[in-house]
Amino acid sequence: MEALQQKRELDREMQDKILFMAFIITKFARAYKMSKPNAYLYLKKYGGLDFLNECWWALHIDNPYWAVRSMYEICYQNGGLK
């Protein structure tokens, strides 16, 4: 029974993570005037998605502006120019 509860919690956490990532990629795309697919590819190429994947829990409790800005900074440090 306890294992089932833990699985549900992990499934819920994964769902929350996916929803947040989709939300913030959309916000990033709007902020930098990109299409969503282009924003995804840009973030993937320059490390923004890795950062988002690793730090989503901390980023999701803050204002989305700061999450987008942090992702921009990570990408810029990794060679992104947009």
Protein backbone atom coordinates (compact mmCIF):
# COMPACT_ATOMS: atom_id res chain seq x y z
CA MET A 1 0.00 0.00 0.00
CA GLU A 2 2.80 2.39 0.86
CA ALA A 3 4.55 1.67 -2.45
CA LEU A 4 1.37 2.58 -4.33
CA GLN A 5 1.15 5.90 -2.46
CA GLN A 6 4.78 6.68 -3.30
CA LYS A 7 4.14 5.91 -6.97
CA ARG A 8 1.16 8.27 -6.99
CA GLU A 9 3.26 11.01 -5.43
CA LEU A 10 6.02 10.50 -8.01
CA ASP A 11 3.49 10.50 -10.84
CA ARG A 12 1.97 13.72 -9.49
CA GLU A 13 5.40 15.34 -9.16
CA MET A 14 6.29 14.34 -12.73
CA GLN A 15 2.99 15.78 -13.96
CA ASP A 16 3.64 19.04 -12.12
CA LYS A 17 7.15 19.22 -13.59
CA ILE A 18 5.94 18.66 -17.15
CA LEU A 19 3.18 21.25 -16.79
CA PHE A 20 5.59 23.82 -15.38
CA MET A 21 8.15 23.19 -18.10
CA ALA A 22 5.54 23.61 -20.83
CA PHE A 23 4.27 26.78 -19.14
CA ILE A 24 7.70 28.37 -18.77
CA ILE A 25 8.84 27.46 -22.30
CA THR A 26 5.75 29.28 -23.57
CA LYS A 27 6.59 32.29 -21.38
CA PHE A 28 10.17 32.24 -22.69
CA ALA A 29 8.93 32.11 -26.28
CA ARG A 30 6.67 35.12 -25.73
CA ALA A 31 9.33 37.12 -23.89
CA TYR A 32 11.88 36.68 -26.65
CA LYS A 33 9.43 36.71 -29.57
CA MET A 34 10.05 33.14 -30.69
CA SER A 35 7.75 30.36 -31.73
CA LYS A 36 7.36 27.66 -29.08
CA PRO A 37 9.26 25.07 -31.16
CA ASN A 38 12.11 27.55 -31.74
CA ALA A 39 12.21 28.44 -28.05
CA TYR A 40 12.39 24.75 -27.16
CA LEU A 41 15.24 24.16 -29.60
CA TYR A 42 17.10 27.25 -28.41
CA LEU A 43 16.75 26.22 -24.77
CA LYS A 44 17.85 22.70 -25.59
CA LYS A 45 20.88 23.85 -27.57
CA TYR A 46 22.16 26.32 -24.97
CA GLY A 47 21.46 24.44 -21.73
CA GLY A 48 18.27 26.18 -20.67
CA LEU A 49 16.28 22.95 -20.65
CA ASP A 50 18.90 21.18 -18.54
CA PHE A 51 18.78 24.05 -16.07
CA LEU A 52 14.99 23.99 -16.06
CA ASN A 53 14.93 20.24 -15.57
CA GLU A 54 17.35 20.41 -12.64
CA CYS A 55 15.96 23.52 -10.93
CA TRP A 56 12.25 23.43 -11.77
CA TRP A 57 11.18 22.97 -8.17
CA ALA A 58 12.87 26.19 -7.04
CA LEU A 59 11.87 28.09 -10.20
CA HIS A 60 8.19 27.20 -10.01
CA ILE A 61 7.67 28.96 -6.69
CA ASP A 62 9.04 32.27 -7.96
CA ASN A 63 7.64 34.79 -10.38
CA PRO A 64 7.76 33.37 -13.95
CA TYR A 65 9.69 36.48 -15.02
CA TRP A 66 12.68 35.39 -12.94
CA ALA A 67 12.55 31.82 -14.24
CA VAL A 68 12.60 33.11 -17.82
CA ARG A 69 15.38 35.55 -17.00
CA SER A 70 17.44 32.83 -15.31
CA MET A 71 17.03 30.58 -18.34
CA TYR A 72 18.12 33.45 -20.60
CA GLU A 73 21.25 33.97 -18.49
CA ILE A 74 22.13 30.27 -18.63
CA CYS A 75 21.69 30.21 -22.40
CA TYR A 76 23.70 33.40 -22.82
CA GLN A 77 26.57 31.95 -20.75
CA ASN A 78 26.51 28.89 -23.02
CA GLY A 79 26.74 30.86 -26.26
CA GLY A 80 23.14 31.83 -26.90
CA LEU A 81 22.75 35.25 -28.45
CA LYS A 82 19.03 35.95 -28.50
